[in-house]
């Protein structure tokens, strides 16, 4: 019984960490693979994400987020895909986002 509980908890932890990224960008189209990167929106989203402080989860803060002229980078994988998508589409005028 304890083994099955441990396996279940391990699955939850992996699922939560699976959507964390080193690199993200805002895009100008809804088609992900052939999309052009929207540099202005990416800069805006990265700036907003760097200042984010919404709780104690790993993705709630991104102290190492930095815009390199093309992408938003986080050496320690603080970028949450859903959260970055929100900044791109709701705050910075992009249609979509991509991440590694």
N, C-alpha and C. Protein backbone atom coordinates (compact mmCIF):
# COMPACT_ATOMS: atom_id res chain seq x y z
N UNK A 1 0.82 -1.19 0.00
CA UNK A 1 0.00 0.00 0.00
C UNK A 1 0.87 1.26 0.00
N UNK A 2 1.90 1.29 0.84
CA UNK A 2 2.75 2.47 0.90
C UNK A 2 3.51 2.67 -0.41
N UNK A 3 3.90 1.57 -1.05
CA UNK A 3 4.62 1.67 -2.31
C UNK A 3 3.75 2.32 -3.38
N UNK A 4 2.47 1.97 -3.43
CA UNK A 4 1.59 2.57 -4.43
C UNK A 4 1.36 4.05 -4.14
N UNK A 5 1.32 4.44 -2.88
CA UNK A 5 1.18 5.86 -2.53
C UNK A 5 2.42 6.64 -2.93
N UNK A 6 3.59 6.06 -2.72
CA UNK A 6 4.84 6.72 -3.11
C UNK A 6 4.90 6.88 -4.63
N UNK A 7 4.51 5.84 -5.35
CA UNK A 7 4.51 5.91 -6.82
C UNK A 7 3.55 6.99 -7.30
N UNK A 8 2.39 7.08 -6.69
CA UNK A 8 1.41 8.10 -7.06
C UNK A 8 1.95 9.51 -6.80
N UNK A 9 2.56 9.73 -5.65
CA UNK A 9 3.13 11.05 -5.33
C UNK A 9 4.28 11.40 -6.27
N UNK A 10 5.09 10.42 -6.62
CA UNK A 10 6.19 10.67 -7.55
C UNK A 10 5.65 11.09 -8.92
N UNK A 11 4.56 10.48 -9.34
CA UNK A 11 3.93 10.85 -10.60
C UNK A 11 3.43 12.28 -10.56
N UNK A 12 2.85 12.69 -9.46
CA UNK A 12 2.37 14.06 -9.33
C UNK A 12 3.52 15.06 -9.41
N UNK A 13 4.61 14.77 -8.74
CA UNK A 13 5.76 15.68 -8.75
C UNK A 13 6.32 15.81 -10.16
N UNK A 14 6.46 14.71 -10.87
CA UNK A 14 6.97 14.76 -12.24
C UNK A 14 6.01 15.55 -13.12
N UNK A 15 4.72 15.36 -12.95
CA UNK A 15 3.73 16.09 -13.74
C UNK A 15 3.79 17.58 -13.51
N UNK A 16 4.00 18.00 -12.29
CA UNK A 16 4.08 19.43 -11.97
C UNK A 16 5.33 20.04 -12.57
N UNK A 17 6.45 19.36 -12.52
CA UNK A 17 7.71 19.90 -13.01
C UNK A 17 7.85 19.77 -14.53
N UNK A 18 6.97 19.01 -15.18
CA UNK A 18 7.12 18.75 -16.61
C UNK A 18 6.90 19.99 -17.47
N UNK A 19 6.21 20.99 -16.98
CA UNK A 19 5.89 22.16 -17.78
C UNK A 19 6.80 23.34 -17.45
N UNK A 20 7.99 23.07 -16.96
CA UNK A 20 8.95 24.13 -16.64
C UNK A 20 9.98 24.21 -17.76
N UNK A 21 10.41 25.43 -18.07
CA UNK A 21 11.24 25.62 -19.26
C UNK A 21 12.46 26.50 -18.99
N UNK A 22 13.50 26.27 -19.81
CA UNK A 22 14.69 27.13 -19.81
C UNK A 22 14.50 28.33 -20.73
N UNK A 23 13.76 28.14 -21.83
CA UNK A 23 13.65 29.15 -22.87
C UNK A 23 12.20 29.26 -23.32
N UNK A 24 11.74 30.50 -23.53
CA UNK A 24 10.39 30.73 -24.03
C UNK A 24 10.38 31.98 -24.90
N UNK A 25 9.37 32.06 -25.77
CA UNK A 25 9.22 33.23 -26.63
C UNK A 25 7.76 33.40 -26.99
N UNK A 26 7.38 34.62 -27.27
CA UNK A 26 6.04 34.93 -27.77
C UNK A 26 6.08 34.84 -29.29
N UNK A 27 4.98 34.41 -29.89
CA UNK A 27 4.94 34.28 -31.34
C UNK A 27 3.80 35.10 -31.94
N UNK A 28 3.93 35.35 -33.22
CA UNK A 28 2.96 36.17 -33.92
C UNK A 28 1.86 35.39 -34.59
N UNK A 29 1.93 34.07 -34.58
CA UNK A 29 0.91 33.25 -35.22
C UNK A 29 0.45 32.16 -34.28
N UNK A 30 -0.67 31.53 -34.63
CA UNK A 30 -1.18 30.42 -33.84
C UNK A 30 -0.48 29.11 -34.16
N UNK A 31 0.19 29.02 -35.29
CA UNK A 31 0.90 27.82 -35.69
C UNK A 31 2.27 27.81 -35.02
N UNK A 32 2.54 26.85 -34.18
CA UNK A 32 3.72 26.87 -33.33
C UNK A 32 5.03 26.62 -34.08
N UNK A 33 5.14 25.58 -34.88
CA UNK A 33 6.44 25.18 -35.43
C UNK A 33 6.99 26.14 -36.47
N UNK A 34 6.13 26.75 -37.24
CA UNK A 34 6.62 27.66 -38.27
C UNK A 34 6.44 29.11 -37.92
N UNK A 35 6.22 29.39 -36.67
CA UNK A 35 5.87 30.75 -36.27
C UNK A 35 7.07 31.67 -36.18
N UNK A 36 6.80 32.96 -36.40
CA UNK A 36 7.86 33.93 -36.18
C UNK A 36 7.81 34.42 -34.74
N UNK A 37 8.96 34.65 -34.20
CA UNK A 37 9.04 35.12 -32.83
C UNK A 37 8.73 36.61 -32.80
N UNK A 38 7.87 36.99 -31.90
CA UNK A 38 7.51 38.39 -31.70
C UNK A 38 8.45 38.94 -30.62
N UNK A 39 9.53 39.57 -31.07
CA UNK A 39 10.58 40.03 -30.14
C UNK A 39 10.08 41.04 -29.13
N UNK A 40 9.25 41.98 -29.59
CA UNK A 40 8.74 43.01 -28.68
C UNK A 40 7.87 42.39 -27.58
N UNK A 41 6.99 41.47 -27.97
CA UNK A 41 6.13 40.81 -26.98
C UNK A 41 6.95 39.90 -26.07
N UNK A 42 7.97 39.23 -26.61
CA UNK A 42 8.82 38.37 -25.79
C UNK A 42 9.55 39.18 -24.73
N UNK A 43 10.07 40.33 -25.13
CA UNK A 43 10.75 41.22 -24.18
C UNK A 43 9.78 41.66 -23.09
N UNK A 44 8.57 42.03 -23.49
CA UNK A 44 7.53 42.46 -22.54
C UNK A 44 7.18 41.33 -21.57
N UNK A 45 6.94 40.13 -22.10
CA UNK A 45 6.56 38.99 -21.26
C UNK A 45 7.69 38.60 -20.31
N UNK A 46 8.91 38.63 -20.79
CA UNK A 46 10.06 38.27 -19.95
C UNK A 46 10.21 39.29 -18.82
N UNK A 47 10.08 40.56 -19.15
CA UNK A 47 10.17 41.63 -18.15
C UNK A 47 9.10 41.44 -17.07
N UNK A 48 7.86 41.15 -17.50
CA UNK A 48 6.77 40.92 -16.55
C UNK A 48 6.99 39.67 -15.72
N UNK A 49 7.46 38.61 -16.36
CA UNK A 49 7.68 37.35 -15.64
C UNK A 49 8.80 37.51 -14.61
N UNK A 50 9.83 38.26 -14.95
CA UNK A 50 10.94 38.48 -14.02
C UNK A 50 10.46 39.19 -12.76
N UNK A 51 9.46 40.02 -12.87
CA UNK A 51 8.93 40.76 -11.72
C UNK A 51 7.79 40.04 -11.02
N UNK A 52 7.41 38.89 -11.53
CA UNK A 52 6.31 38.09 -10.99
C UNK A 52 6.67 37.60 -9.58
N UNK A 53 5.70 37.66 -8.69
CA UNK A 53 5.88 37.14 -7.34
C UNK A 53 4.49 36.78 -6.82
N UNK A 54 3.99 35.61 -7.25
CA UNK A 54 2.61 35.25 -6.95
C UNK A 54 2.45 34.12 -5.95
N UNK A 55 3.54 33.68 -5.34
CA UNK A 55 3.42 32.61 -4.36
C UNK A 55 4.76 31.93 -4.12
N UNK A 56 4.69 30.69 -3.65
CA UNK A 56 5.91 29.96 -3.29
C UNK A 56 6.21 28.78 -4.19
N UNK A 57 5.45 28.62 -5.28
CA UNK A 57 5.77 27.56 -6.24
C UNK A 57 6.96 28.00 -7.09
N UNK A 58 7.65 27.02 -7.68
CA UNK A 58 8.84 27.29 -8.48
C UNK A 58 8.57 28.30 -9.59
N UNK A 59 7.41 28.20 -10.24
CA UNK A 59 7.06 29.06 -11.37
C UNK A 59 6.47 30.40 -10.96
N UNK A 60 6.29 30.63 -9.67
CA UNK A 60 5.71 31.89 -9.19
C UNK A 60 6.69 33.05 -9.20
N UNK A 61 7.96 32.74 -9.32
CA UNK A 61 9.01 33.76 -9.36
C UNK A 61 10.03 33.34 -10.42
N UNK A 62 10.66 34.31 -11.04
CA UNK A 62 11.72 33.99 -12.00
C UNK A 62 12.87 34.97 -11.82
N UNK A 63 13.63 34.81 -10.74
CA UNK A 63 14.71 35.75 -10.47
C UNK A 63 15.83 35.71 -11.52
N UNK A 64 15.91 34.61 -12.27
CA UNK A 64 16.97 34.50 -13.28
C UNK A 64 16.47 34.70 -14.71
N UNK A 65 15.23 35.14 -14.89
CA UNK A 65 14.71 35.40 -16.23
C UNK A 65 15.49 36.56 -16.86
N UNK A 66 15.90 36.36 -18.11
CA UNK A 66 16.63 37.40 -18.83
C UNK A 66 16.30 37.31 -20.31
N UNK A 67 16.04 38.43 -20.92
CA UNK A 67 15.76 38.51 -22.35
C UNK A 67 17.08 38.71 -23.09
N UNK A 68 17.34 37.86 -24.09
CA UNK A 68 18.62 37.93 -24.81
C UNK A 68 18.52 38.59 -26.19
N UNK A 69 17.40 39.21 -26.47
CA UNK A 69 17.19 39.82 -27.78
C UNK A 69 16.29 38.98 -28.67
N UNK A 70 16.13 37.71 -28.32
CA UNK A 70 15.25 36.81 -29.06
C UNK A 70 14.34 36.03 -28.12
N UNK A 71 14.92 35.45 -27.08
CA UNK A 71 14.20 34.56 -26.17
C UNK A 71 14.26 35.07 -24.73
N UNK A 72 13.34 34.55 -23.92
CA UNK A 72 13.41 34.75 -22.48
C UNK A 72 14.06 33.48 -21.93
N UNK A 73 15.13 33.64 -21.18
CA UNK A 73 15.91 32.50 -20.67
C UNK A 73 15.84 32.42 -19.15
N UNK A 74 15.82 31.19 -18.65
CA UNK A 74 15.89 30.93 -17.22
C UNK A 74 16.80 29.73 -17.01
N UNK A 75 18.01 29.98 -16.56
CA UNK A 75 19.00 28.92 -16.35
C UNK A 75 18.46 27.82 -15.43
N UNK A 76 17.66 28.21 -14.44
CA UNK A 76 17.17 27.25 -13.45
C UNK A 76 15.73 26.81 -13.69
N UNK A 77 15.24 26.95 -14.92
CA UNK A 77 13.91 26.47 -15.33
C UNK A 77 12.78 27.03 -14.47
N UNK A 78 12.73 28.32 -14.33
CA UNK A 78 11.63 28.95 -13.59
C UNK A 78 10.44 29.29 -14.48
N UNK A 79 10.57 29.16 -15.79
CA UNK A 79 9.50 29.59 -16.70
C UNK A 79 8.43 28.52 -16.82
N UNK A 80 7.23 28.85 -16.38
CA UNK A 80 6.08 27.97 -16.55
C UNK A 80 5.43 28.27 -17.90
N UNK A 81 5.12 27.24 -18.66
CA UNK A 81 4.55 27.43 -20.00
C UNK A 81 3.23 28.17 -19.99
N UNK A 82 2.32 27.79 -19.10
CA UNK A 82 1.01 28.45 -19.03
C UNK A 82 1.15 29.90 -18.60
N UNK A 83 2.04 30.13 -17.65
CA UNK A 83 2.23 31.49 -17.15
C UNK A 83 2.85 32.39 -18.23
N UNK A 84 3.83 31.88 -18.96
CA UNK A 84 4.45 32.68 -20.02
C UNK A 84 3.45 32.96 -21.13
N UNK A 85 2.64 31.96 -21.47
CA UNK A 85 1.59 32.14 -22.48
C UNK A 85 0.64 33.27 -22.05
N UNK A 86 0.28 33.29 -20.79
CA UNK A 86 -0.59 34.35 -20.26
C UNK A 86 0.04 35.73 -20.50
N UNK A 87 1.29 35.90 -20.14
CA UNK A 87 1.94 37.20 -20.33
C UNK A 87 2.01 37.56 -21.81
N UNK A 88 2.35 36.59 -22.66
CA UNK A 88 2.43 36.87 -24.10
C UNK A 88 1.09 37.32 -24.66
N UNK A 89 0.05 36.57 -24.36
CA UNK A 89 -1.25 36.82 -25.01
C UNK A 89 -2.12 37.85 -24.30
N UNK A 90 -2.05 37.92 -23.00
CA UNK A 90 -2.95 38.82 -22.27
C UNK A 90 -2.33 40.17 -21.92
N UNK A 91 -1.02 40.22 -21.79
CA UNK A 91 -0.36 41.46 -21.37
C UNK A 91 0.51 42.10 -22.45
N UNK A 92 0.95 41.30 -23.43
CA UNK A 92 1.96 41.81 -24.36
C UNK A 92 1.57 41.75 -25.84
N UNK A 93 0.34 41.37 -26.15
CA UNK A 93 -0.17 41.48 -27.51
C UNK A 93 0.21 40.39 -28.50
N UNK A 94 0.76 39.28 -28.04
CA UNK A 94 1.11 38.18 -28.95
C UNK A 94 -0.08 37.23 -29.10
N UNK A 95 -0.03 36.39 -30.12
CA UNK A 95 -1.10 35.42 -30.34
C UNK A 95 -0.83 34.08 -29.67
N UNK A 96 0.43 33.78 -29.40
CA UNK A 96 0.78 32.47 -28.87
C UNK A 96 2.16 32.54 -28.21
N UNK A 97 2.62 31.42 -27.70
CA UNK A 97 3.98 31.34 -27.14
C UNK A 97 4.55 29.96 -27.43
N UNK A 98 5.86 29.87 -27.40
CA UNK A 98 6.55 28.59 -27.55
C UNK A 98 7.57 28.48 -26.43
N UNK A 99 7.94 27.25 -26.09
CA UNK A 99 8.95 27.02 -25.05
C UNK A 99 9.65 25.70 -25.33
N UNK A 100 10.86 25.55 -24.77
CA UNK A 100 11.59 24.30 -24.97
C UNK A 100 10.96 23.16 -24.22
